[in-house]
C-alpha atoms as a PDB file:
ATOM      1  CA  MET A   1      34.809 -20.569  12.839  1.00  0.00           C
ATOM      2  CA  PRO A   2      35.021 -16.883  13.823  1.00  0.00           C
ATOM      3  CA  ALA A   3      31.999 -15.153  15.308  1.00  0.00           C
ATOM      4  CA  ILE A   4      30.120 -12.871  12.936  1.00  0.00           C
ATOM      5  CA  ASN A   5      30.082  -9.227  13.975  1.00  0.00           C
ATOM      6  CA  VAL A   6      26.652  -7.755  13.267  1.00  0.00           C
ATOM      7  CA  ILE A   7      27.676  -4.402  14.715  1.00  0.00           C
ATOM      8  CA  GLY A   8      28.391  -2.503  11.558  1.00  0.00           C
ATOM      9  CA  ALA A   9      26.506  -0.954   8.708  1.00  0.00           C
ATOM     10  CA  SER A  10      23.527  -3.282   9.046  1.00  0.00           C
ATOM     11  CA  ALA A  11      23.057  -2.877  12.820  1.00  0.00           C
ATOM     12  CA  GLY A  12      21.248   0.451  12.484  1.00  0.00           C
ATOM     13  CA  TYR A  13      18.578  -1.096  10.248  1.00  0.00           C
ATOM     14  CA  ILE A  14      17.637  -4.007  12.535  1.00  0.00           C
ATOM     15  CA  PRO A  15      15.121  -2.022  14.665  1.00  0.00           C
ATOM     16  CA  ALA A  16      13.269  -0.849  11.544  1.00  0.00           C
ATOM     17  CA  VAL A  17      12.999  -4.419  10.261  1.00  0.00           C
ATOM     18  CA  TYR A  18      11.833  -5.608  13.706  1.00  0.00           C
ATOM     19  CA  ARG A  19       9.110  -2.943  13.858  1.00  0.00           C
ATOM     20  CA  ALA A  20       7.951  -3.901  10.362  1.00  0.00           C
ATOM     21  CA  ILE A  21       7.636  -7.613  11.131  1.00  0.00           C
ATOM     22  CA  ASN A  22       5.735  -6.884  14.357  1.00  0.00           C
ATOM     23  CA  SER A  23       3.250  -4.634  12.558  1.00  0.00           C
ATOM     24  CA  SER A  24       0.996  -7.642  11.933  1.00  0.00           C
ATOM     25  CA  ALA A  25       0.807 -11.294  12.950  1.00  0.00           C
ATOM     26  CA  GLU A  26       0.313 -12.232   9.294  1.00  0.00           C
ATOM     27  CA  VAL A  27       3.810 -11.051   8.312  1.00  0.00           C
ATOM     28  CA  LYS A  28       6.297 -13.901   7.993  1.00  0.00           C
ATOM     29  CA  SER A  29       9.418 -12.077   6.863  1.00  0.00           C
ATOM     30  CA  ALA A  30      10.724  -8.526   6.517  1.00  0.00           C
ATOM     31  CA  VAL A  31      13.638  -7.588   4.257  1.00  0.00           C
ATOM     32  CA  MET A  32      15.586  -4.341   3.970  1.00  0.00           C
ATOM     33  CA  TYR A  33      17.914  -3.831   0.999  1.00  0.00           C
ATOM     34  CA  LEU A  34      21.070  -1.952   2.003  1.00  0.00           C
ATOM     35  CA  THR A  35      23.031  -2.430  -1.207  1.00  0.00           C
ATOM     36  CA  GLU A  36      22.639  -4.612  -4.259  1.00  0.00           C
ATOM     37  CA  ARG A  37      24.644  -7.316  -2.494  1.00  0.00           C
ATOM     38  CA  HIS A  38      23.692  -6.865   1.151  1.00  0.00           C
ATOM     39  CA  VAL A  39      20.299  -7.339   2.825  1.00  0.00           C
ATOM     40  CA  VAL A  40      18.961  -7.566   6.363  1.00  0.00           C
ATOM     41  CA  ARG A  41      16.181 -10.141   6.769  1.00  0.00           C
ATOM     42  CA  LEU A  42      14.157 -11.006   9.867  1.00  0.00           C
ATOM     43  CA  THR A  43      11.950 -14.111   9.655  1.00  0.00           C
ATOM     44  CA  ARG A  44       9.481 -15.590  12.134  1.00  0.00           C
ATOM     45  CA  ARG A  45      10.134 -19.209  13.003  1.00  0.00           C
ATOM     46  CA  HIS A  46       6.506 -20.155  13.588  1.00  0.00           C
ATOM     47  CA  ARG A  47       3.154 -18.664  12.804  1.00  0.00           C
ATOM     48  CA  THR A  48       1.823 -16.599  15.714  1.00  0.00           C
ATOM     49  CA  ARG A  49      -1.024 -18.306  17.577  1.00  0.00           C
ATOM     50  CA  LEU A  50      -3.726 -16.661  19.621  1.00  0.00           C
ATOM     51  CA  ARG A  51      -2.289 -17.568  23.028  1.00  0.00           C
ATOM     52  CA  ALA A  52       1.388 -17.348  22.105  1.00  0.00           C
ATOM     53  CA  ARG A  53       3.584 -15.667  24.685  1.00  0.00           C
ATOM     54  CA  THR A  54       6.855 -15.804  22.825  1.00  0.00           C
ATOM     55  CA  SER A  55       8.082 -15.279  19.288  1.00  0.00           C
ATOM     56  CA  GLU A  56      11.221 -16.675  17.704  1.00  0.00           C
ATOM     57  CA  TYR A  57      12.981 -14.809  14.920  1.00  0.00           C
ATOM     58  CA  VAL A  58      15.894 -15.584  12.635  1.00  0.00           C
ATOM     59  CA  LEU A  59      18.086 -12.605  11.718  1.00  0.00           C
ATOM     60  CA  THR A  60      20.018 -12.927   8.473  1.00  0.00           C
ATOM     61  CA  THR A  61      22.448 -10.358   7.123  1.00  0.00           C
ATOM     62  CA  GLY A  62      24.445 -10.790   3.968  1.00  0.00           C
ATOM     63  CA  ALA A  63      23.916 -11.724   0.358  1.00  0.00           C
ATOM     64  CA  PRO A  64      20.352 -11.796  -1.005  1.00  0.00           C
ATOM     65  CA  ASN A  65      18.635 -15.061  -1.917  1.00  0.00           C
ATOM     66  CA  TYR A  66      17.173 -15.826  -5.353  1.00  0.00           C
ATOM     67  CA  LEU A  67      13.882 -13.905  -4.952  1.00  0.00           C
ATOM     68  CA  GLU A  68      15.693 -10.944  -3.450  1.00  0.00           C
ATOM     69  CA  ARG A  69      18.198 -10.887  -6.317  1.00  0.00           C
ATOM     70  CA  GLU A  70      15.291 -10.775  -8.774  1.00  0.00           C
ATOM     71  CA  PHE A  71      13.839  -7.818  -6.847  1.00  0.00           C
ATOM     72  CA  VAL A  72      17.230  -6.051  -6.906  1.00  0.00           C
ATOM     73  CA  LYS A  73      17.398  -6.458 -10.698  1.00  0.00           C
ATOM     74  CA  ALA A  74      13.905  -5.001 -11.088  1.00  0.00           C
ATOM     75  CA  ALA A  75      14.719  -2.119  -8.719  1.00  0.00           C
ATOM     76  CA  ARG A  76      17.924  -1.358 -10.588  1.00  0.00           C
ATOM     77  CA  ARG A  77      16.033  -1.285 -13.910  1.00  0.00           C
ATOM     78  CA  ALA A  78      13.468   1.072 -12.363  1.00  0.00           C
ATOM     79  CA  GLY A  79      16.246   3.410 -11.176  1.00  0.00           C
ATOM     80  CA  GLU A  80      15.576   2.908  -7.455  1.00  0.00           C
ATOM     81  CA  PRO A  81      18.489   4.223  -5.312  1.00  0.00           C
ATOM     82  CA  PHE A  82      20.028   2.028  -2.614  1.00  0.00           C
ATOM     83  CA  PRO A  83      19.462   1.637   0.319  1.00  0.00           C
ATOM     84  CA  ILE A  84      15.784   1.152  -0.468  1.00  0.00           C
ATOM     85  CA  GLY A  85      13.875   3.071   2.192  1.00  0.00           C
ATOM     86  CA  LYS A  86      10.881   0.750   2.581  1.00  0.00           C
ATOM     87  CA  VAL A  87      10.962  -2.660   4.212  1.00  0.00           C
ATOM     88  CA  GLN A  88       9.654  -5.454   2.009  1.00  0.00           C
ATOM     89  CA  LEU A  89       7.136  -7.704   3.786  1.00  0.00           C
ATOM     90  CA  ARG A  90       6.249 -11.305   2.997  1.00  0.00           C
ATOM     91  CA  HIS A  91       3.094 -12.827   4.430  1.00  0.00           C
ATOM     92  CA  TRP A  92       2.238 -16.373   5.459  1.00  0.00           C
ATOM     93  CA  PRO A  93       0.556 -18.426   2.716  1.00  0.00           C
ATOM     94  CA  LYS A  94      -3.238 -18.450   2.781  1.00  0.00           C
ATOM     95  CA  LYS A  95      -4.961 -21.683   3.749  1.00  0.00           C
ATOM     96  CA  ARG A  96      -7.086 -23.354   1.119  1.00  0.00           C
ATOM     97  CA  THR A  97     -10.790 -23.361   1.733  1.00  0.00           C
ATOM     98  CA  LYS A  98     -12.886 -26.445   1.098  1.00  0.00           C
ATOM     99  CA  ALA A  99     -15.330 -25.965  -1.725  1.00  0.00           C
END
């Protein structure tokens, strides 16, 4: 299997996505939409703990997943031009509180 070359059109957007995901510990994933069929996504592997020294991330470039495709359809209907300038953030789910 050939190695994937990330150095290309999406490489310039990786620092912006990294800054967005590190803006808060409650952010799980950050997505930037380059075209209708190409996204850059950075996802935390584990929730950040108080004493954590390290963070693991998964970088994904390529075709959007189902939720991202739905967002692309809505953005296209709204007339949003690509690449979309803002990074979309997804947060960790909230814990249920006992009643």
